[in-house]
Amino acid sequence: MPMRRYLLIGCVNLLAFVSGAQVYKNVQIPPLSAKYPFNECEPSIAINPLNPDEVAAGSVLTGYHFSTNGGATWQTKNLKSPYGVYGDPVLQYDALGRLYYFHLSDYKKTSHLDRIVCQYTDQIEGKFNKGSFPAPNGTKVQDKHWMVIDPKTQVIYMTWTQFDAYDSADPKDTSIIVFSKSLDRGQSWTSPIRISKYGGDCLDGDNTVEGAVPALGANGEIFVCWTGPRGIMFQCSKDGGQTWLTEERKLSDHLGGWDIDIPGIYRANGLPFLMSDLSEGPRHGTLYLNWCDQRNGAADTDVWLMSSTDGGITWSEAKRVNQDPAGKQQFLTSMAIDPKNGDLHFVYYDRRRFANNRTDVVWAHSQDGGQTFTEKIISEQPFLPDKRVFFGDYLGIAVYDGRVRPIWPRMDNGRITLWTALIETK
């Protein structure tokens, strides 16, 4: 999303947790030389299912990074489009090996952030097309998109937030959740439709509806979750997005709100991630919902997981992913599901080891559908952020057949750099 005004499952022995540190090789992804001072944050990463040695990533504002040796070494390029490139990168492969790079727009001929742009390439070297987009709606701001690609049909389903006027305090201006799809692998898009009955304000905070993430059901259903003033909400379409529930259902309060205050971080949202297990594993069709909240207090942000085995009709109780004793901060979670076996993987920032704001990066793994979790520190060294510097709104993680590639920004002496870790579970 744009920067404002754009500038419990038990405890685990701390020694055992610390022993997970410095096991996985950290690789710095080369920075993009650009004037934007907050480059390398809000990363997204994807693994090519036809060639897992090909790994692609994006970062704010215009960074495109790629590796042809599984993430051991990287090249970086500047992504360009005639419609402008302005952050919020989301990268995904379809089942046929096409790589899509979705981002916000800064189209000089219209208004700032008036469309979500989809660019694609069939070559990892980064020869992207010029881009396509769902139809803009005047000067309304289109922001924070996520998408899912049907592995059988390659249809792309995308959801995002539409602001009447970004950062407006006018009560007449609202935010809503909208939906569009591409039937031709990113060449064109259906007209966006509203799928949230209830809107929010435009201040990009707890009372704004944001974080709309689509997932596919085992029978082709489209499920969407987001959060806002009413809590974490759920929508569903069983006919490819033609019709939806007349009213979204509430799954949970978002306790403490999604606009979370973490000491030493410019901002740290707890927006949800909804994903489905479409693997051939034993939990095929299960929906998983991952988010952060402060139900245990402002000094104890946690990572949570809920699941549904009946298409979102009923959901499990929320389980805590981080296994530390109460009183420490875990934040900016991201989630991925291994498409081969259904294992769950998470990455988040973690402060259980230190009394100050020094921050580790933790990878959590569940092999039993979120009943139990193992955690490992994957950052070779902790880092200390600077509250004055925009640090992004999310981390990223990709997995394919036991190959796990988290991606995160860190800060040293006021400088943001971008990193991954080489994790193999097989």
Protein backbone atom coordinates (compact mmCIF):
# COMPACT_ATOMS: atom_id res chain seq x y z
CA MET A 1 0.00 0.00 0.00
CA PRO A 2 1.18 3.60 -0.35
CA MET A 3 3.16 5.06 2.51
CA ARG A 4 1.05 7.63 4.29
CA ARG A 5 1.71 10.97 2.77
CA TYR A 6 4.35 8.88 1.03
CA LEU A 7 7.37 9.91 2.54
CA LEU A 8 -1.43 -21.19 22.64
CA ILE A 9 0.42 -23.86 21.94
CA GLY A 10 2.84 -24.24 24.80
CA CYS A 11 6.29 -22.79 25.22
CA VAL A 12 9.59 -23.82 23.75
CA ASN A 13 12.96 -23.83 25.44
CA LEU A 14 14.75 -20.61 24.48
CA LEU A 15 18.09 -22.35 24.11
CA ALA A 16 16.56 -24.79 21.64
CA PHE A 17 15.12 -21.87 19.71
CA VAL A 18 18.40 -19.97 19.66
CA SER A 19 20.15 -23.09 18.38
CA GLY A 20 18.19 -22.59 15.17
CA ALA A 21 20.14 -19.42 14.44
CA GLN A 22 22.88 -19.19 11.81
CA VAL A 23 22.04 -22.55 10.25
CA TYR A 24 20.78 -21.30 6.89
CA LYS A 25 22.93 -19.33 4.51
CA ASN A 26 21.79 -15.72 4.10
CA VAL A 27 22.12 -14.19 0.65
CA GLN A 28 21.85 -10.48 -0.01
CA ILE A 29 19.84 -9.57 -3.08
CA PRO A 30 21.57 -6.78 -5.02
CA PRO A 31 19.97 -3.37 -4.52
CA LEU A 32 18.50 -1.29 -7.30
CA SER A 33 20.30 1.99 -7.78
CA ALA A 34 17.51 4.54 -7.49
CA LYS A 35 16.71 7.83 -5.80
CA TYR A 36 13.76 6.47 -3.80
CA PRO A 37 15.11 6.28 -0.22
CA PHE A 38 13.03 3.26 0.86
CA ASN A 39 14.06 0.79 -1.84
CA GLU A 40 14.29 -2.93 -1.00
CA CYS A 41 11.23 -3.16 1.26
CA GLU A 42 7.80 -4.82 0.75
CA PRO A 43 9.32 -7.81 -1.03
CA SER A 44 7.54 -10.59 -2.90
CA ILE A 45 9.14 -13.84 -4.07
CA ALA A 46 8.11 -16.71 -6.35
CA ILE A 47 9.57 -20.07 -7.46
CA ASN A 48 9.03 -21.40 -10.99
CA PRO A 49 7.17 -24.74 -10.64
CA LEU A 50 8.63 -25.95 -13.95
CA ASN A 51 12.19 -25.07 -12.94
CA PRO A 52 12.62 -24.47 -9.19
CA ASP A 53 16.13 -23.14 -9.77
CA GLU A 54 14.44 -20.03 -11.17
CA VAL A 55 13.43 -17.69 -8.35
CA ALA A 56 12.06 -14.19 -8.93
CA ALA A 57 11.44 -11.34 -6.50
CA GLY A 58 10.20 -7.76 -6.45
CA SER A 59 10.75 -4.84 -4.08
CA VAL A 60 9.65 -1.24 -3.67
CA LEU A 61 9.54 0.81 -5.79
CA THR A 62 10.62 -0.73 -9.09
CA GLY A 63 12.96 -3.58 -8.18
CA TYR A 64 12.97 -6.83 -10.13
CA HIS A 65 15.40 -9.49 -8.90
CA PHE A 66 16.01 -12.96 -10.30
CA SER A 67 18.14 -16.03 -9.72
CA THR A 68 18.76 -19.03 -11.96
CA ASN A 69 20.53 -21.12 -9.32
CA GLY A 70 17.92 -21.43 -6.60
CA GLY A 71 18.68 -18.10 -4.93
CA ALA A 72 22.43 -18.55 -4.44
CA THR A 73 23.19 -15.52 -6.63
CA TRP A 74 20.95 -12.77 -8.00
CA GLN A 75 20.68 -10.11 -10.66
CA THR A 76 18.63 -6.94 -10.30
CA LYS A 77 16.83 -4.84 -12.89
CA ASN A 78 14.57 -1.81 -12.95
CA LEU A 79 11.00 -2.79 -13.87
CA LYS A 80 9.42 -0.38 -16.33
CA SER A 81 5.93 0.10 -17.73
CA PRO A 82 4.32 2.91 -19.74
CA TYR A 83 1.71 3.02 -16.96
CA GLY A 84 4.33 3.60 -14.26
CA VAL A 85 5.63 1.29 -11.53
CA TYR A 86 4.99 2.39 -7.96
CA GLY A 87 5.53 -0.40 -5.46
CA ASP A 88 3.38 -3.05 -3.76
CA PRO A 89 5.04 -5.79 -5.84
CA VAL A 90 3.34 -9.19 -5.91
CA LEU A 91 5.00 -11.92 -7.99
CA GLN A 92 3.44 -15.26 -8.91
CA TYR A 93 4.03 -18.02 -11.45
CA ASP A 94 1.24 -19.89 -13.16
CA ALA A 95 1.41 -23.65 -13.66
CA LEU A 96 2.78 -23.18 -17.19
CA GLY A 97 5.79 -21.20 -16.01
CA ARG A 98 4.67 -17.66 -16.84
CA LEU A 99 5.82 -15.10 -14.27
CA TYR A 100 3.48 -12.24 -13.33
CA TYR A 101 4.57 -9.03 -11.62
CA PHE A 102 1.66 -6.98 -10.21
CA HIS A 103 2.25 -3.46 -8.91
CA LEU A 104 0.77 -0.05 -8.29
CA SER A 105 0.77 2.58 -11.02
CA ASP A 106 2.09 6.09 -11.43
CA TYR A 107 0.65 6.80 -14.86
CA LYS A 108 1.60 10.34 -15.85
CA LYS A 109 -1.38 10.76 -18.20
CA THR A 110 -4.01 10.18 -15.50
CA SER A 111 -3.89 10.26 -11.70
CA HIS A 112 -1.56 8.70 -9.15
CA LEU A 113 -2.39 5.08 -8.17
CA ASP A 114 -5.46 4.87 -10.40
CA ARG A 115 -4.88 1.23 -11.48
CA ILE A 116 -3.28 -2.10 -10.59
CA VAL A 117 -0.88 -3.14 -13.37
CA CYS A 118 -0.12 -6.74 -14.34
CA GLN A 119 3.06 -7.39 -16.31
CA TYR A 120 4.25 -10.83 -17.34
CA THR A 121 7.21 -12.57 -18.88
CA ASP A 122 7.97 -16.07 -20.10
CA GLN A 123 11.70 -15.51 -19.54
CA ILE A 124 13.12 -14.95 -16.09
CA GLU A 125 15.68 -12.49 -17.45
CA GLY A 126 12.95 -9.90 -17.14
CA LYS A 127 11.62 -9.15 -20.61
CA PHE A 128 8.20 -8.14 -19.32
CA ASN A 129 5.33 -6.98 -21.50
CA LYS A 130 3.99 -3.44 -21.13
CA GLY A 131 1.19 -4.47 -18.81
CA SER A 132 -2.57 -4.75 -18.49
CA PHE A 133 -5.01 -3.67 -15.79
CA PRO A 134 -8.63 -3.76 -14.67
CA ALA A 135 -10.41 -0.60 -15.75
CA PRO A 136 -9.65 2.47 -13.59
CA ASN A 137 -12.49 4.24 -11.82
CA GLY A 138 -11.77 7.90 -12.40
CA THR A 139 -9.33 9.25 -9.83
CA LYS A 140 -10.16 6.63 -7.18
CA VAL A 141 -7.05 5.01 -5.74
CA GLN A 142 -6.54 1.27 -6.32
CA ASP A 143 -4.31 -0.24 -3.65
CA LYS A 144 -2.92 -3.39 -1.98
CA HIS A 145 -3.75 -6.16 -4.35
CA TRP A 146 -3.34 -9.90 -3.95
CA MET A 147 -4.19 -12.65 -6.40
CA VAL A 148 -4.47 -16.39 -6.88
CA ILE A 149 -3.98 -18.36 -10.11
CA ASP A 150 -6.00 -21.48 -10.87
CA PRO A 151 -3.40 -24.22 -11.54
CA LYS A 152 -5.77 -26.02 -13.94
CA THR A 153 -7.15 -23.15 -16.04
CA GLN A 154 -4.52 -20.41 -15.43
CA VAL A 155 -7.35 -17.94 -14.69
CA ILE A 156 -6.10 -15.13 -12.44
CA TYR A 157 -8.35 -13.84 -9.66
CA MET A 158 -7.41 -10.52 -8.06
CA THR A 159 -8.83 -8.54 -5.13
CA TRP A 160 -7.80 -5.16 -3.71
CA THR A 161 -8.95 -2.00 -1.92
CA GLN A 162 -10.46 0.97 -3.73
CA PHE A 163 -10.23 4.35 -1.99
CA ASP A 164 -12.51 7.20 -2.99
CA ALA A 165 -9.62 9.48 -2.02
CA TYR A 166 -6.52 8.12 -0.30
CA ASP A 167 -5.82 9.55 3.18
CA SER A 168 -9.04 11.56 3.11
CA ALA A 169 -10.73 12.29 6.44
CA ASP A 170 -13.98 13.24 4.72
CA PRO A 171 -16.68 10.83 6.03
CA LYS A 172 -18.20 10.78 2.55
CA ASP A 173 -15.05 9.08 1.21
CA THR A 174 -14.99 5.32 1.67
CA SER A 175 -12.84 2.27 1.01
CA ILE A 176 -14.28 -0.94 -0.47
CA ILE A 177 -13.04 -4.35 -1.64
CA VAL A 178 -13.20 -5.04 -5.37
CA PHE A 179 -12.62 -8.09 -7.61
CA SER A 180 -11.52 -8.73 -11.18
CA LYS A 181 -10.21 -11.72 -13.12
CA SER A 182 -8.18 -12.44 -16.24
CA LEU A 183 -9.25 -15.32 -18.49
CA ASP A 184 -6.34 -14.97 -20.93
CA ARG A 185 -3.24 -15.16 -18.72
CA GLY A 186 -2.94 -11.46 -17.96
CA GLN A 187 -3.75 -9.92 -21.33
CA SER A 188 -7.12 -8.43 -20.29
CA TRP A 189 -9.35 -8.12 -17.23
CA THR A 190 -13.05 -8.15 -16.41
CA SER A 191 -14.68 -4.98 -15.12
CA PRO A 192 -14.04 -4.63 -11.38
CA ILE A 193 -17.00 -5.36 -9.11
CA ARG A 194 -17.54 -4.56 -5.46
CA ILE A 195 -17.63 -7.63 -3.19
CA SER A 196 -17.75 -5.95 0.25
CA LYS A 197 -21.16 -4.82 1.43
CA TYR A 198 -19.56 -2.82 4.24
CA GLY A 199 -16.89 -0.23 3.53
CA GLY A 200 -14.43 1.65 5.66
CA ASP A 201 -12.79 5.03 5.84
CA CYS A 202 -9.91 6.24 3.64
CA LEU A 203 -7.29 6.90 6.32
CA ASP A 204 -5.32 3.67 5.72
CA GLY A 205 -5.75 2.48 9.30
CA ASP A 206 -7.85 0.20 11.48
CA ASN A 207 -11.12 1.58 10.12
CA THR A 208 -10.14 1.05 6.47
CA VAL A 209 -11.04 -2.24 4.74
CA GLU A 210 -7.76 -3.71 3.49
CA GLY A 211 -5.75 -6.84 2.94
CA ALA A 212 -8.16 -8.65 0.58
CA VAL A 213 -6.56 -11.99 -0.34
CA PRO A 214 -8.24 -14.55 -2.64
CA ALA A 215 -7.83 -18.33 -2.41
CA LEU A 216 -9.24 -21.22 -4.44
CA GLY A 217 -11.33 -24.06 -3.07
CA ALA A 218 -10.96 -27.70 -4.04
CA ASN A 219 -14.02 -27.37 -6.29
CA GLY A 220 -13.06 -24.07 -7.89
CA GLU A 221 -14.69 -21.77 -5.34
CA ILE A 222 -13.18 -18.31 -4.82
CA PHE A 223 -12.72 -17.37 -1.18
CA VAL A 224 -11.60 -13.92 -0.01
CA CYS A 225 -10.66 -12.56 3.41
CA TRP A 226 -9.84 -9.02 4.49
CA THR A 227 -9.92 -6.94 7.65
CA GLY A 228 -11.28 -3.59 8.78
CA PRO A 229 -13.53 -1.95 11.37
CA ARG A 230 -15.82 -5.01 11.61
CA GLY A 231 -12.97 -7.49 12.04
CA ILE A 232 -11.64 -10.19 9.73
CA MET A 233 -14.26 -10.83 7.05
CA PHE A 234 -14.96 -13.70 4.63
CA GLN A 235 -16.53 -13.74 1.16
CA CYS A 236 -17.21 -16.57 -1.26
CA SER A 237 -18.17 -17.11 -4.90
CA LYS A 238 -19.04 -20.52 -6.37
CA ASP A 239 -19.44 -19.39 -9.97
CA GLY A 240 -16.10 -17.86 -10.90
CA GLY A 241 -16.82 -14.47 -9.34
CA GLN A 242 -20.13 -13.77 -11.05
CA THR A 243 -22.08 -13.76 -7.78
CA TRP A 244 -21.03 -13.52 -4.15
CA LEU A 245 -22.56 -13.83 -0.70
CA THR A 246 -25.02 -10.98 -0.23
CA GLU A 247 -23.08 -9.99 2.87
CA GLU A 248 -19.55 -10.90 3.99
CA ARG A 249 -19.26 -13.02 7.16
CA LYS A 250 -17.17 -12.12 10.17
CA LEU A 251 -14.59 -14.75 11.12
CA SER A 252 -12.86 -13.01 14.01
CA ASP A 253 -12.34 -9.72 15.75
CA HIS A 254 -9.00 -8.19 14.78
CA LEU A 255 -8.05 -7.52 18.36
CA GLY A 256 -6.04 -4.34 18.73
CA GLY A 257 -6.72 -3.51 15.08
CA TRP A 258 -4.63 -4.32 12.00
CA ASP A 259 -2.61 -1.07 12.08
CA ILE A 260 -0.24 -2.32 14.76
CA ASP A 261 2.18 -0.13 16.71
CA ILE A 262 5.55 -1.85 17.15
CA PRO A 263 8.36 0.06 18.91
CA GLY A 264 11.04 1.20 16.50
CA ILE A 265 9.12 0.38 13.30
CA TYR A 266 7.54 3.09 11.15
CA ARG A 267 4.42 0.92 10.91
CA ALA A 268 3.65 -2.80 11.03
CA ASN A 269 0.29 -4.00 9.85
CA GLY A 270 -1.27 -7.34 10.78
CA LEU A 271 -3.26 -7.87 7.57
CA PRO A 272 -4.47 -11.43 6.93
CA PHE A 273 -3.23 -14.00 4.42
CA LEU A 274 -5.77 -16.54 3.15
CA MET A 275 -4.46 -19.62 1.35
CA SER A 276 -5.71 -23.05 0.38
CA ASP A 277 -4.03 -26.43 0.21
CA LEU A 278 -4.37 -27.61 -3.40
CA SER A 279 -1.61 -30.19 -3.05
CA GLU A 280 -1.99 -33.94 -3.29
CA GLY A 281 -1.32 -34.16 0.43
CA PRO A 282 -3.72 -35.38 3.12
CA ARG A 283 -5.24 -31.92 3.79
CA HIS A 284 -6.21 -31.10 0.22
CA GLY A 285 -8.87 -28.37 0.16
CA THR A 286 -8.16 -26.99 3.63
CA LEU A 287 -8.27 -23.20 3.96
CA TYR A 288 -5.75 -21.42 6.20
CA LEU A 289 -5.95 -17.87 7.53
CA ASN A 290 -2.82 -16.23 8.96
CA TRP A 291 -2.55 -12.80 10.60
CA CYS A 292 -1.06 -10.82 13.52
CA ASP A 293 -2.90 -9.11 16.34
CA GLN A 294 -2.47 -7.75 19.86
CA ARG A 295 -5.15 -9.67 21.75
CA ASN A 296 -2.55 -10.27 24.47
CA GLY A 297 -1.61 -6.61 24.74
CA ALA A 298 0.39 -3.96 22.93
CA ALA A 299 3.67 -5.44 24.18
CA ASP A 300 2.82 -8.96 22.96
CA THR A 301 1.95 -9.03 19.26
CA ASP A 302 1.50 -12.61 18.04
CA VAL A 303 1.12 -14.60 14.81
CA TRP A 304 -2.12 -16.57 14.48
CA LEU A 305 -3.61 -19.31 12.32
CA MET A 306 -7.15 -20.57 11.73
CA SER A 307 -8.26 -23.31 9.34
CA SER A 308 -11.42 -24.61 7.68
CA THR A 309 -11.99 -28.04 6.16
CA ASP A 310 -15.52 -27.37 4.87
CA GLY A 311 -15.09 -24.48 2.48
CA GLY A 312 -15.15 -21.72 5.06
CA ILE A 313 -18.42 -22.71 6.75
CA THR A 314 -16.75 -23.48 10.07
CA TRP A 315 -13.30 -22.55 11.34
CA SER A 316 -10.95 -23.81 14.01
CA GLU A 317 -10.05 -21.74 17.03
CA ALA A 318 -7.10 -19.42 16.46
CA LYS A 319 -3.74 -21.04 17.26
CA ARG A 320 -0.58 -19.17 18.07
CA VAL A 321 2.20 -19.88 15.57
CA ASN A 322 5.04 -18.36 17.60
CA GLN A 323 5.90 -20.62 20.51
CA ASP A 324 7.54 -18.21 22.95
CA PRO A 325 6.31 -17.22 26.40
CA ALA A 326 4.07 -14.17 26.59
CA GLY A 327 5.40 -10.64 26.43
CA LYS A 328 7.43 -10.43 23.22
CA GLN A 329 6.72 -9.11 19.73
CA GLN A 330 6.24 -11.14 16.53
CA PHE A 331 5.00 -9.17 13.54
CA LEU A 332 4.75 -8.77 9.75
CA THR A 333 3.86 -12.40 9.12
CA SER A 334 3.70 -13.96 5.67
CA MET A 335 2.65 -17.48 4.72
CA ALA A 336 3.10 -20.08 1.96
CA ILE A 337 1.88 -23.64 1.36
CA ASP A 338 4.04 -26.23 -0.35
CA PRO A 339 2.04 -27.22 -3.47
CA LYS A 340 3.54 -30.71 -3.39
CA ASN A 341 2.67 -31.86 0.14
CA GLY A 342 0.64 -29.11 1.82
CA ASP A 343 3.20 -28.20 4.48
CA LEU A 344 2.73 -24.70 5.95
CA HIS A 345 5.56 -22.18 6.08
CA PHE A 346 5.65 -18.77 7.77
CA VAL A 347 8.17 -15.95 8.05
CA TYR A 348 7.99 -13.06 10.53
CA TYR A 349 10.06 -10.63 12.56
CA ASP A 350 10.73 -11.72 16.14
CA ARG A 351 11.98 -9.98 19.28
CA ARG A 352 11.89 -12.71 21.93
CA ARG A 353 15.68 -12.77 22.42
CA PHE A 354 16.25 -9.11 23.22
CA ALA A 355 15.04 -6.44 25.61
CA ASN A 356 15.53 -3.62 23.11
CA ASN A 357 14.27 -3.35 19.52
CA ARG A 358 16.83 -5.69 17.98
CA THR A 359 14.95 -7.98 15.62
CA ASP A 360 15.44 -11.53 14.32
CA VAL A 361 13.80 -13.15 11.30
CA VAL A 362 12.05 -16.45 12.08
CA TRP A 363 10.83 -19.24 9.81
CA ALA A 364 8.06 -21.46 11.19
CA HIS A 365 7.07 -24.79 9.66
CA SER A 366 4.07 -27.06 10.24
CA GLN A 367 3.76 -30.55 8.77
CA ASP A 368 0.41 -31.37 10.35
CA GLY A 369 -1.92 -28.64 9.15
CA GLY A 370 -1.08 -26.15 11.87
CA GLN A 371 -1.46 -28.44 14.88
CA THR A 372 2.21 -28.00 15.83
CA PHE A 373 4.99 -25.67 14.70
CA THR A 374 8.76 -25.63 14.66
CA GLU A 375 10.60 -22.31 14.59
CA LYS A 376 14.10 -21.41 13.54
CA ILE A 377 15.96 -18.11 13.49
CA ILE A 378 17.09 -17.70 9.89
CA SER A 379 18.76 -14.28 10.00
CA GLU A 380 22.47 -14.60 10.65
CA GLN A 381 22.44 -11.44 12.76
CA PRO A 382 19.67 -9.38 14.39
CA PHE A 383 19.10 -5.86 13.15
CA LEU A 384 17.92 -2.58 14.64
CA PRO A 385 15.33 -0.62 12.63
CA ASP A 386 14.80 3.13 12.66
CA LYS A 387 11.27 4.33 13.41
CA ARG A 388 11.77 7.33 11.13
CA VAL A 389 12.28 5.18 8.04
CA PHE A 390 9.45 3.53 6.11
CA PHE A 391 10.14 -0.21 6.31
CA GLY A 392 7.28 -1.67 4.31
CA ASP A 393 4.11 -3.54 5.20
CA TYR A 394 4.91 -7.19 4.62
CA LEU A 395 7.59 -9.84 4.14
CA GLY A 396 7.47 -12.65 1.59
CA ILE A 397 7.99 -16.40 1.38
CA ALA A 398 7.80 -18.97 -1.41
CA VAL A 399 8.05 -22.76 -1.26
CA TYR A 400 8.09 -25.59 -3.77
CA ASP A 401 8.71 -29.26 -3.01
CA GLY A 402 10.69 -28.58 0.16
CA ARG A 403 12.63 -25.62 -1.22
CA VAL A 404 11.83 -22.61 0.99
CA ARG A 405 12.83 -19.08 0.09
CA PRO A 406 11.82 -16.38 2.60
CA ILE A 407 12.60 -12.76 1.75
CA TRP A 408 12.91 -9.81 4.10
CA PRO A 409 14.41 -6.33 4.47
CA ARG A 410 16.82 -5.57 7.29
CA MET A 411 18.43 -2.33 8.35
CA ASP A 412 22.01 -1.58 9.36
CA ASN A 413 23.14 1.94 10.20
CA GLY A 414 19.97 3.38 8.66
CA ARG A 415 20.34 1.51 5.36
CA ILE A 416 17.76 -1.02 4.15
CA THR A 417 19.01 -4.16 2.41
CA LEU A 418 17.12 -7.15 1.02
CA TRP A 419 17.86 -10.78 1.97
CA THR A 420 16.83 -14.37 1.47
CA ALA A 421 17.84 -17.63 3.15
CA LEU A 422 18.55 -20.96 1.44
CA ILE A 423 16.32 -23.50 3.22
CA GLU A 424 15.83 -27.07 2.03
CA THR A 425 13.51 -29.37 3.97
CA LYS A 426 14.15 -32.49 1.88
